[in-house]
N, C-alpha and C. Protein backbone atom coordinates (compact mmCIF):
# COMPACT_ATOMS: atom_id res chain seq x y z
N MET A 1 7.69 13.27 -8.14
CA MET A 1 8.98 13.21 -7.49
C MET A 1 8.97 12.17 -6.36
N LEU A 2 7.86 12.14 -5.61
CA LEU A 2 7.75 11.17 -4.52
C LEU A 2 7.87 9.74 -5.03
N THR A 3 7.21 9.46 -6.13
CA THR A 3 7.26 8.12 -6.72
C THR A 3 8.69 7.75 -7.10
N CYS A 4 9.40 8.66 -7.72
CA CYS A 4 10.79 8.40 -8.14
C CYS A 4 11.69 8.12 -6.94
N VAL A 5 11.56 8.93 -5.90
CA VAL A 5 12.39 8.75 -4.70
C VAL A 5 12.10 7.41 -4.03
N GLN A 6 10.82 7.08 -3.89
CA GLN A 6 10.46 5.82 -3.24
C GLN A 6 10.93 4.61 -4.04
N LEU A 7 10.71 4.62 -5.34
CA LEU A 7 11.12 3.48 -6.16
C LEU A 7 12.64 3.37 -6.26
N PHE A 8 13.33 4.51 -6.34
CA PHE A 8 14.79 4.47 -6.39
C PHE A 8 15.36 3.93 -5.07
N SER A 9 14.83 4.38 -3.95
CA SER A 9 15.31 3.90 -2.65
C SER A 9 15.10 2.40 -2.51
N THR A 10 13.91 1.94 -2.86
CA THR A 10 13.61 0.52 -2.77
C THR A 10 14.51 -0.29 -3.70
N GLY A 11 14.68 0.19 -4.92
CA GLY A 11 15.53 -0.51 -5.89
C GLY A 11 16.99 -0.55 -5.45
N ALA A 12 17.50 0.55 -4.92
CA ALA A 12 18.90 0.59 -4.48
C ALA A 12 19.14 -0.36 -3.30
N ILE A 13 18.22 -0.38 -2.35
CA ILE A 13 18.37 -1.28 -1.20
C ILE A 13 18.26 -2.73 -1.65
N ALA A 14 17.28 -3.04 -2.51
CA ALA A 14 17.10 -4.41 -2.99
C ALA A 14 18.31 -4.88 -3.79
N LEU A 15 18.86 -4.01 -4.63
CA LEU A 15 20.06 -4.36 -5.41
C LEU A 15 21.24 -4.63 -4.49
N THR A 16 21.43 -3.81 -3.48
CA THR A 16 22.54 -4.00 -2.54
C THR A 16 22.40 -5.32 -1.80
N VAL A 17 21.21 -5.61 -1.30
CA VAL A 17 20.99 -6.87 -0.59
C VAL A 17 21.18 -8.05 -1.53
N SER A 18 20.71 -7.92 -2.77
CA SER A 18 20.87 -9.00 -3.75
C SER A 18 22.34 -9.26 -4.06
N LEU A 19 23.09 -8.19 -4.24
CA LEU A 19 24.53 -8.35 -4.53
C LEU A 19 25.27 -9.00 -3.37
N LEU A 20 24.84 -8.72 -2.16
CA LEU A 20 25.51 -9.26 -0.98
C LEU A 20 25.09 -10.68 -0.62
N THR A 21 23.88 -11.07 -0.98
CA THR A 21 23.36 -12.35 -0.49
C THR A 21 23.06 -13.39 -1.56
N GLU A 22 22.94 -12.99 -2.82
CA GLU A 22 22.55 -13.94 -3.86
C GLU A 22 23.70 -14.25 -4.80
N THR A 23 23.59 -15.39 -5.45
CA THR A 23 24.56 -15.77 -6.48
C THR A 23 24.00 -15.35 -7.83
N TRP A 24 24.76 -14.56 -8.56
CA TRP A 24 24.33 -14.07 -9.87
C TRP A 24 24.88 -14.97 -10.97
N PRO A 25 24.11 -15.20 -12.04
CA PRO A 25 24.61 -16.03 -13.16
C PRO A 25 25.68 -15.27 -13.94
N ASP A 26 26.49 -16.03 -14.67
CA ASP A 26 27.55 -15.42 -15.48
C ASP A 26 26.97 -14.65 -16.67
N ALA A 27 25.89 -15.17 -17.24
CA ALA A 27 25.27 -14.51 -18.40
C ALA A 27 23.75 -14.54 -18.25
N VAL A 28 23.13 -13.49 -18.76
CA VAL A 28 21.67 -13.40 -18.73
C VAL A 28 21.19 -13.17 -20.16
N ALA A 29 20.20 -13.93 -20.58
CA ALA A 29 19.69 -13.82 -21.95
C ALA A 29 19.08 -12.45 -22.20
N THR A 30 19.14 -11.99 -23.43
CA THR A 30 18.61 -10.69 -23.80
C THR A 30 17.11 -10.61 -23.55
N SER A 31 16.39 -11.69 -23.80
CA SER A 31 14.94 -11.68 -23.57
C SER A 31 14.61 -11.47 -22.09
N VAL A 32 15.46 -11.98 -21.22
CA VAL A 32 15.22 -11.78 -19.78
C VAL A 32 15.33 -10.30 -19.43
N TRP A 33 16.33 -9.61 -20.00
CA TRP A 33 16.48 -8.17 -19.75
C TRP A 33 15.28 -7.38 -20.29
N GLY A 34 14.74 -7.83 -21.43
CA GLY A 34 13.56 -7.18 -21.99
C GLY A 34 12.36 -7.31 -21.06
N TRP A 35 12.12 -8.52 -20.56
CA TRP A 35 11.01 -8.73 -19.62
C TRP A 35 11.26 -8.00 -18.31
N PHE A 36 12.50 -7.96 -17.87
CA PHE A 36 12.83 -7.23 -16.64
C PHE A 36 12.53 -5.74 -16.82
N GLY A 37 12.93 -5.18 -17.96
CA GLY A 37 12.66 -3.77 -18.24
C GLY A 37 11.18 -3.46 -18.28
N LEU A 38 10.40 -4.33 -18.93
CA LEU A 38 8.95 -4.13 -18.96
C LEU A 38 8.34 -4.25 -17.56
N SER A 39 8.86 -5.17 -16.78
CA SER A 39 8.37 -5.35 -15.42
C SER A 39 8.64 -4.10 -14.59
N VAL A 40 9.83 -3.55 -14.73
CA VAL A 40 10.19 -2.34 -13.96
C VAL A 40 9.37 -1.15 -14.42
N LEU A 41 9.29 -0.94 -15.73
CA LEU A 41 8.62 0.26 -16.24
C LEU A 41 7.10 0.19 -16.18
N VAL A 42 6.53 -0.91 -16.62
CA VAL A 42 5.08 -0.99 -16.71
C VAL A 42 4.46 -1.53 -15.43
N ALA A 43 4.90 -2.72 -15.02
CA ALA A 43 4.24 -3.39 -13.90
C ALA A 43 4.52 -2.72 -12.57
N THR A 44 5.62 -2.02 -12.44
CA THR A 44 5.94 -1.40 -11.16
C THR A 44 5.81 0.11 -11.21
N SER A 45 6.62 0.77 -12.01
CA SER A 45 6.67 2.23 -12.00
C SER A 45 5.37 2.87 -12.46
N LEU A 46 4.84 2.43 -13.58
CA LEU A 46 3.62 3.03 -14.10
C LEU A 46 2.44 2.76 -13.17
N ARG A 47 2.35 1.54 -12.65
CA ARG A 47 1.28 1.20 -11.72
C ARG A 47 1.37 2.05 -10.46
N TYR A 48 2.57 2.18 -9.92
CA TYR A 48 2.76 2.94 -8.69
C TYR A 48 2.45 4.42 -8.92
N LEU A 49 2.86 4.96 -10.05
CA LEU A 49 2.57 6.36 -10.38
C LEU A 49 1.07 6.58 -10.50
N LEU A 50 0.39 5.70 -11.23
CA LEU A 50 -1.06 5.83 -11.39
C LEU A 50 -1.78 5.70 -10.05
N GLN A 51 -1.32 4.79 -9.22
CA GLN A 51 -1.93 4.61 -7.91
C GLN A 51 -1.73 5.86 -7.04
N THR A 52 -0.55 6.44 -7.07
CA THR A 52 -0.27 7.65 -6.31
C THR A 52 -1.11 8.81 -6.80
N LEU A 53 -1.21 8.97 -8.12
CA LEU A 53 -2.03 10.04 -8.67
C LEU A 53 -3.50 9.83 -8.34
N GLY A 54 -3.96 8.60 -8.41
CA GLY A 54 -5.35 8.31 -8.12
C GLY A 54 -5.72 8.53 -6.66
N GLN A 55 -4.78 8.29 -5.76
CA GLN A 55 -5.06 8.44 -4.34
C GLN A 55 -4.78 9.84 -3.82
N LYS A 56 -4.28 10.71 -4.68
CA LYS A 56 -3.94 12.06 -4.25
C LYS A 56 -5.15 12.78 -3.66
N GLY A 57 -6.32 12.58 -4.24
CA GLY A 57 -7.51 13.26 -3.77
C GLY A 57 -8.27 12.50 -2.69
N ALA A 58 -7.82 11.29 -2.37
CA ALA A 58 -8.53 10.48 -1.37
C ALA A 58 -8.08 10.86 0.03
N SER A 59 -8.94 10.58 0.99
CA SER A 59 -8.55 10.82 2.38
C SER A 59 -7.49 9.80 2.77
N ALA A 60 -6.78 10.10 3.85
CA ALA A 60 -5.72 9.19 4.31
C ALA A 60 -6.30 7.82 4.69
N ALA A 61 -7.48 7.81 5.28
CA ALA A 61 -8.10 6.54 5.68
C ALA A 61 -8.45 5.68 4.47
N ASN A 62 -9.03 6.29 3.43
CA ASN A 62 -9.37 5.53 2.22
C ASN A 62 -8.12 5.08 1.47
N ALA A 63 -7.10 5.92 1.42
CA ALA A 63 -5.85 5.53 0.77
C ALA A 63 -5.21 4.35 1.49
N ALA A 64 -5.28 4.36 2.82
CA ALA A 64 -4.71 3.25 3.60
C ALA A 64 -5.47 1.96 3.32
N ILE A 65 -6.78 2.03 3.22
CA ILE A 65 -7.57 0.84 2.93
C ILE A 65 -7.23 0.28 1.55
N ILE A 66 -7.08 1.17 0.58
CA ILE A 66 -6.71 0.73 -0.77
C ILE A 66 -5.36 0.03 -0.74
N MET A 67 -4.40 0.59 -0.02
CA MET A 67 -3.07 -0.02 0.05
C MET A 67 -3.11 -1.36 0.78
N ILE A 68 -3.93 -1.45 1.83
CA ILE A 68 -4.03 -2.70 2.57
C ILE A 68 -4.67 -3.79 1.72
N MET A 69 -5.61 -3.41 0.85
CA MET A 69 -6.31 -4.40 0.02
C MET A 69 -5.48 -4.86 -1.18
N GLU A 70 -4.38 -4.18 -1.47
CA GLU A 70 -3.59 -4.54 -2.66
C GLU A 70 -3.14 -6.00 -2.68
N PRO A 71 -2.59 -6.55 -1.59
CA PRO A 71 -2.20 -7.97 -1.66
C PRO A 71 -3.38 -8.91 -1.83
N VAL A 72 -4.54 -8.55 -1.29
CA VAL A 72 -5.72 -9.40 -1.46
C VAL A 72 -6.12 -9.44 -2.93
N TRP A 73 -6.16 -8.28 -3.58
CA TRP A 73 -6.51 -8.24 -5.00
C TRP A 73 -5.46 -8.95 -5.84
N THR A 74 -4.20 -8.87 -5.46
CA THR A 74 -3.15 -9.57 -6.19
C THR A 74 -3.38 -11.07 -6.16
N VAL A 75 -3.71 -11.59 -4.99
CA VAL A 75 -3.96 -13.03 -4.87
C VAL A 75 -5.21 -13.43 -5.65
N VAL A 76 -6.27 -12.66 -5.50
CA VAL A 76 -7.51 -12.99 -6.20
C VAL A 76 -7.31 -12.98 -7.72
N LEU A 77 -6.65 -11.94 -8.22
CA LEU A 77 -6.41 -11.87 -9.66
C LEU A 77 -5.45 -12.95 -10.16
N SER A 78 -4.47 -13.34 -9.33
CA SER A 78 -3.57 -14.42 -9.76
C SER A 78 -4.30 -15.75 -9.83
N VAL A 79 -5.26 -15.95 -8.95
CA VAL A 79 -6.07 -17.18 -8.99
C VAL A 79 -6.94 -17.18 -10.24
N ILE A 80 -7.55 -16.02 -10.55
CA ILE A 80 -8.44 -15.93 -11.71
C ILE A 80 -7.64 -15.96 -13.01
N TRP A 81 -6.61 -15.14 -13.10
CA TRP A 81 -5.88 -14.96 -14.35
C TRP A 81 -4.93 -16.12 -14.66
N TYR A 82 -4.16 -16.52 -13.66
CA TYR A 82 -3.13 -17.56 -13.88
C TYR A 82 -3.56 -18.94 -13.38
N HIS A 83 -4.76 -19.06 -12.85
CA HIS A 83 -5.27 -20.32 -12.33
C HIS A 83 -4.34 -20.90 -11.27
N GLU A 84 -3.80 -20.00 -10.42
CA GLU A 84 -2.93 -20.46 -9.34
C GLU A 84 -3.76 -21.14 -8.26
N ALA A 85 -3.08 -22.00 -7.53
CA ALA A 85 -3.74 -22.68 -6.42
C ALA A 85 -3.92 -21.68 -5.27
N MET A 86 -4.91 -21.95 -4.45
CA MET A 86 -5.16 -21.10 -3.29
C MET A 86 -4.95 -21.94 -2.03
N PRO A 87 -3.66 -22.13 -1.64
CA PRO A 87 -3.39 -22.95 -0.46
C PRO A 87 -3.85 -22.25 0.83
N VAL A 88 -3.79 -23.00 1.90
CA VAL A 88 -4.31 -22.53 3.18
C VAL A 88 -3.61 -21.24 3.63
N HIS A 89 -2.31 -21.12 3.42
CA HIS A 89 -1.62 -19.92 3.91
C HIS A 89 -2.06 -18.66 3.16
N LYS A 90 -2.42 -18.78 1.89
CA LYS A 90 -2.94 -17.62 1.15
C LYS A 90 -4.34 -17.25 1.64
N ILE A 91 -5.15 -18.26 1.86
CA ILE A 91 -6.50 -18.01 2.38
C ILE A 91 -6.41 -17.38 3.77
N ALA A 92 -5.51 -17.89 4.60
CA ALA A 92 -5.34 -17.34 5.95
C ALA A 92 -4.87 -15.89 5.89
N GLY A 93 -3.93 -15.59 5.01
CA GLY A 93 -3.44 -14.22 4.88
C GLY A 93 -4.52 -13.26 4.43
N CYS A 94 -5.27 -13.65 3.42
CA CYS A 94 -6.38 -12.80 2.95
C CYS A 94 -7.44 -12.64 4.02
N THR A 95 -7.73 -13.70 4.75
CA THR A 95 -8.73 -13.63 5.82
C THR A 95 -8.27 -12.68 6.93
N LEU A 96 -7.01 -12.75 7.30
CA LEU A 96 -6.50 -11.85 8.33
C LEU A 96 -6.57 -10.39 7.90
N ILE A 97 -6.23 -10.12 6.64
CA ILE A 97 -6.31 -8.75 6.13
C ILE A 97 -7.75 -8.26 6.14
N LEU A 98 -8.65 -9.07 5.62
CA LEU A 98 -10.06 -8.67 5.58
C LEU A 98 -10.65 -8.52 6.99
N PHE A 99 -10.28 -9.42 7.89
CA PHE A 99 -10.76 -9.34 9.28
C PHE A 99 -10.23 -8.07 9.96
N SER A 100 -8.98 -7.72 9.71
CA SER A 100 -8.43 -6.50 10.31
C SER A 100 -9.15 -5.26 9.78
N LEU A 101 -9.52 -5.28 8.51
CA LEU A 101 -10.28 -4.15 7.96
C LEU A 101 -11.67 -4.06 8.59
N LEU A 102 -12.30 -5.21 8.80
CA LEU A 102 -13.61 -5.20 9.45
C LEU A 102 -13.52 -4.64 10.87
N ILE A 103 -12.50 -5.03 11.58
CA ILE A 103 -12.31 -4.50 12.93
C ILE A 103 -12.04 -3.01 12.88
N TYR A 104 -11.19 -2.58 11.96
CA TYR A 104 -10.84 -1.17 11.84
C TYR A 104 -12.06 -0.32 11.47
N ARG A 105 -12.77 -0.72 10.45
CA ARG A 105 -13.92 0.07 9.98
C ARG A 105 -15.15 -0.16 10.86
N GLY A 106 -15.31 -1.35 11.39
CA GLY A 106 -16.48 -1.65 12.20
C GLY A 106 -16.38 -1.14 13.62
N SER A 107 -15.18 -0.86 14.08
CA SER A 107 -15.03 -0.40 15.46
C SER A 107 -15.36 1.08 15.63
N GLN A 108 -15.43 1.83 14.55
CA GLN A 108 -15.74 3.26 14.64
C GLN A 108 -17.12 3.52 15.26
N PRO A 109 -18.18 2.84 14.83
CA PRO A 109 -19.47 3.06 15.49
C PRO A 109 -19.44 2.70 16.98
N ILE A 110 -18.70 1.68 17.33
CA ILE A 110 -18.60 1.28 18.74
C ILE A 110 -17.86 2.37 19.52
N ARG A 111 -16.79 2.91 18.96
CA ARG A 111 -16.05 4.00 19.62
C ARG A 111 -16.94 5.22 19.80
N ASN A 112 -17.75 5.54 18.79
CA ASN A 112 -18.64 6.69 18.89
C ASN A 112 -19.66 6.52 20.02
N ILE A 113 -20.16 5.31 20.21
CA ILE A 113 -21.12 5.04 21.29
C ILE A 113 -20.47 5.30 22.63
N PHE A 114 -19.23 4.80 22.82
CA PHE A 114 -18.54 5.00 24.09
C PHE A 114 -18.19 6.47 24.33
N ARG A 115 -17.85 7.20 23.28
CA ARG A 115 -17.55 8.62 23.43
C ARG A 115 -18.78 9.40 23.88
N LYS A 116 -19.95 9.07 23.32
CA LYS A 116 -21.19 9.77 23.70
C LYS A 116 -21.53 9.51 25.16
N LYS A 117 -21.34 8.28 25.62
CA LYS A 117 -21.64 7.95 27.02
C LYS A 117 -20.65 8.62 27.97
N THR A 118 -19.40 8.76 27.55
CA THR A 118 -18.37 9.35 28.40
C THR A 118 -18.60 10.84 28.57
N PHE A 119 -18.95 11.54 27.50
CA PHE A 119 -19.07 12.99 27.55
C PHE A 119 -20.48 13.46 27.93
N SER A 120 -21.45 12.58 28.01
CA SER A 120 -22.83 12.99 28.31
C SER A 120 -23.03 13.20 29.80
């Protein structure tokens, strides 16, 4: 149910913004609608459902890390699969995400040291 509500909300908001800000073509080819349907059902809904089910048993911290790493994996796989270029802004974005994770996960031992000194 959570997956349906989240995807419906996102889709409704995106459709409203698109209708208000974008120019729509007069006609759309049938093949485009087929690819759009597959994209919505397989690439988005099924992936999101599987990800939600898979993270149900994970701790909140691990689930957050998985979600944060999603754009990094998307870029890496697009470079490998589609042979896309890796310009500086993509490298910078991935580096910032990875660096933030290192700070987040690496700062825990440092926090524990300060807590022991404070309470001792």
